[in-house]
Amino acid sequence: MIVIIPALIGILLGAFTAKRRGGKTADILQYAVGYGIAFALVGVILTITLDKMLAGPVY
């Protein structure tokens, strides 16, 4: 469930970035989705990495 937090952070960061650059509603939504997907991907990689590191050896 680590994926949800980075995705939400990405959505907020993308929306604020587009708004700060003077974007219209479509621009804000596009940035929010793009950042959300990118941050969620980082969260997935982090989840897999932590799972592999914390799991015991497989025999």
N, C-alpha and C. Protein backbone atom coordinates (compact mmCIF):
# COMPACT_ATOMS: atom_id res chain seq x y z
N MET A 1 0.81 -1.20 0.00
CA MET A 1 0.00 0.00 0.00
C MET A 1 0.85 1.27 0.00
N ILE A 2 2.14 1.10 -0.20
CA ILE A 2 3.01 2.27 -0.27
C ILE A 2 2.71 3.08 -1.53
N VAL A 3 2.07 2.48 -2.50
CA VAL A 3 1.83 3.13 -3.79
C VAL A 3 0.86 4.31 -3.67
N ILE A 4 -0.08 4.22 -2.77
CA ILE A 4 -1.14 5.23 -2.69
C ILE A 4 -0.58 6.58 -2.26
N ILE A 5 0.28 6.61 -1.28
CA ILE A 5 0.80 7.88 -0.76
C ILE A 5 1.61 8.63 -1.83
N PRO A 6 2.59 7.98 -2.50
CA PRO A 6 3.30 8.72 -3.55
C PRO A 6 2.38 9.16 -4.70
N ALA A 7 1.38 8.36 -5.02
CA ALA A 7 0.46 8.74 -6.08
C ALA A 7 -0.31 10.02 -5.70
N LEU A 8 -0.78 10.09 -4.48
CA LEU A 8 -1.49 11.29 -4.03
C LEU A 8 -0.57 12.50 -3.98
N ILE A 9 0.66 12.30 -3.52
CA ILE A 9 1.64 13.39 -3.51
C ILE A 9 1.90 13.87 -4.93
N GLY A 10 2.04 12.93 -5.86
CA GLY A 10 2.27 13.29 -7.26
C GLY A 10 1.11 14.06 -7.85
N ILE A 11 -0.11 13.65 -7.54
CA ILE A 11 -1.29 14.35 -8.04
C ILE A 11 -1.30 15.79 -7.54
N LEU A 12 -1.06 15.96 -6.26
CA LEU A 12 -1.05 17.32 -5.69
C LEU A 12 0.08 18.16 -6.26
N LEU A 13 1.27 17.57 -6.36
CA LEU A 13 2.42 18.29 -6.89
C LEU A 13 2.20 18.70 -8.35
N GLY A 14 1.63 17.79 -9.13
CA GLY A 14 1.35 18.10 -10.53
C GLY A 14 0.32 19.20 -10.68
N ALA A 15 -0.73 19.14 -9.88
CA ALA A 15 -1.76 20.17 -9.96
C ALA A 15 -1.21 21.54 -9.56
N PHE A 16 -0.43 21.58 -8.49
CA PHE A 16 0.15 22.85 -8.05
C PHE A 16 1.15 23.39 -9.07
N THR A 17 1.90 22.49 -9.70
CA THR A 17 2.87 22.92 -10.71
C THR A 17 2.17 23.55 -11.90
N ALA A 18 1.13 22.90 -12.38
CA ALA A 18 0.39 23.44 -13.53
C ALA A 18 -0.30 24.76 -13.17
N LYS A 19 -0.86 24.82 -11.98
CA LYS A 19 -1.54 26.05 -11.56
C LYS A 19 -0.54 27.20 -11.44
N ARG A 20 0.64 26.91 -10.89
CA ARG A 20 1.66 27.95 -10.73
C ARG A 20 2.14 28.46 -12.09
N ARG A 21 2.15 27.58 -13.10
CA ARG A 21 2.58 27.97 -14.44
C ARG A 21 1.46 28.62 -15.25
N GLY A 22 0.31 28.80 -14.63
CA GLY A 22 -0.80 29.49 -15.30
C GLY A 22 -1.62 28.61 -16.21
N GLY A 23 -1.68 27.32 -15.93
CA GLY A 23 -2.41 26.40 -16.78
C GLY A 23 -3.91 26.46 -16.56
N LYS A 24 -4.62 26.08 -17.60
CA LYS A 24 -6.08 26.00 -17.50
C LYS A 24 -6.46 24.65 -16.88
N THR A 25 -7.74 24.40 -16.76
CA THR A 25 -8.22 23.20 -16.08
C THR A 25 -7.69 21.92 -16.72
N ALA A 26 -7.69 21.87 -18.04
CA ALA A 26 -7.19 20.67 -18.73
C ALA A 26 -5.69 20.47 -18.46
N ASP A 27 -4.94 21.56 -18.42
CA ASP A 27 -3.51 21.47 -18.13
C ASP A 27 -3.28 20.95 -16.71
N ILE A 28 -4.06 21.45 -15.77
CA ILE A 28 -3.92 21.04 -14.38
C ILE A 28 -4.23 19.55 -14.24
N LEU A 29 -5.29 19.10 -14.90
CA LEU A 29 -5.64 17.68 -14.85
C LEU A 29 -4.57 16.81 -15.49
N GLN A 30 -4.04 17.27 -16.62
CA GLN A 30 -3.02 16.49 -17.30
C GLN A 30 -1.75 16.38 -16.46
N TYR A 31 -1.32 17.46 -15.87
CA TYR A 31 -0.15 17.42 -15.01
C TYR A 31 -0.40 16.53 -13.79
N ALA A 32 -1.59 16.65 -13.21
CA ALA A 32 -1.91 15.85 -12.03
C ALA A 32 -1.87 14.36 -12.35
N VAL A 33 -2.43 13.97 -13.49
CA VAL A 33 -2.43 12.56 -13.88
C VAL A 33 -1.01 12.09 -14.19
N GLY A 34 -0.27 12.90 -14.92
CA GLY A 34 1.10 12.53 -15.28
C GLY A 34 2.00 12.36 -14.07
N TYR A 35 1.97 13.32 -13.18
CA TYR A 35 2.77 13.22 -11.96
C TYR A 35 2.29 12.07 -11.08
N GLY A 36 0.97 11.90 -11.01
CA GLY A 36 0.42 10.80 -10.21
C GLY A 36 0.90 9.45 -10.70
N ILE A 37 0.90 9.24 -12.02
CA ILE A 37 1.37 7.97 -12.58
C ILE A 37 2.85 7.79 -12.31
N ALA A 38 3.64 8.84 -12.51
CA ALA A 38 5.09 8.74 -12.30
C ALA A 38 5.42 8.42 -10.84
N PHE A 39 4.77 9.10 -9.92
CA PHE A 39 5.03 8.86 -8.50
C PHE A 39 4.52 7.49 -8.07
N ALA A 40 3.40 7.05 -8.65
CA ALA A 40 2.88 5.72 -8.33
C ALA A 40 3.86 4.64 -8.81
N LEU A 41 4.47 4.85 -9.96
CA LEU A 41 5.46 3.91 -10.47
C LEU A 41 6.65 3.83 -9.53
N VAL A 42 7.09 4.96 -9.01
CA VAL A 42 8.17 4.95 -8.02
C VAL A 42 7.72 4.20 -6.77
N GLY A 43 6.47 4.37 -6.37
CA GLY A 43 5.95 3.65 -5.21
C GLY A 43 5.90 2.15 -5.43
N VAL A 44 5.56 1.72 -6.65
CA VAL A 44 5.54 0.29 -6.97
C VAL A 44 6.95 -0.28 -6.88
N ILE A 45 7.92 0.43 -7.46
CA ILE A 45 9.31 -0.04 -7.41
C ILE A 45 9.79 -0.10 -5.97
N LEU A 46 9.45 0.90 -5.18
CA LEU A 46 9.83 0.90 -3.77
C LEU A 46 9.18 -0.26 -3.02
N THR A 47 7.92 -0.53 -3.30
CA THR A 47 7.22 -1.65 -2.65
C THR A 47 7.87 -2.98 -2.99
N ILE A 48 8.17 -3.18 -4.26
CA ILE A 48 8.81 -4.44 -4.67
C ILE A 48 10.18 -4.58 -4.04
N THR A 49 10.95 -3.50 -4.04
CA THR A 49 12.28 -3.53 -3.44
C THR A 49 12.22 -3.87 -1.96
N LEU A 50 11.34 -3.20 -1.23
CA LEU A 50 11.21 -3.47 0.20
C LEU A 50 10.74 -4.90 0.46
N ASP A 51 9.81 -5.38 -0.37
CA ASP A 51 9.31 -6.73 -0.20
C ASP A 51 10.43 -7.75 -0.39
N LYS A 52 11.25 -7.54 -1.40
CA LYS A 52 12.36 -8.47 -1.66
C LYS A 52 13.42 -8.39 -0.57
N MET A 53 13.66 -7.20 -0.03
CA MET A 53 14.69 -7.04 1.00
C MET A 53 14.23 -7.60 2.34
N LEU A 54 12.96 -7.42 2.67
CA LEU A 54 12.47 -7.83 3.98
C LEU A 54 12.04 -9.29 4.04
N ALA A 55 11.80 -9.88 2.88
CA ALA A 55 11.41 -11.28 2.87
C ALA A 55 12.64 -12.15 3.16
N GLY A 56 12.41 -13.22 3.83
CA GLY A 56 13.49 -14.12 4.16
C GLY A 56 14.00 -14.84 2.91
N PRO A 57 15.07 -15.57 3.06
CA PRO A 57 15.59 -16.31 1.91
C PRO A 57 14.62 -17.38 1.45
N VAL A 58 14.58 -17.60 0.15
CA VAL A 58 13.70 -18.60 -0.43
C VAL A 58 14.52 -19.85 -0.67
N TYR A 59 14.08 -20.97 -0.10
CA TYR A 59 14.82 -22.22 -0.26
C TYR A 59 14.12 -23.15 -1.19
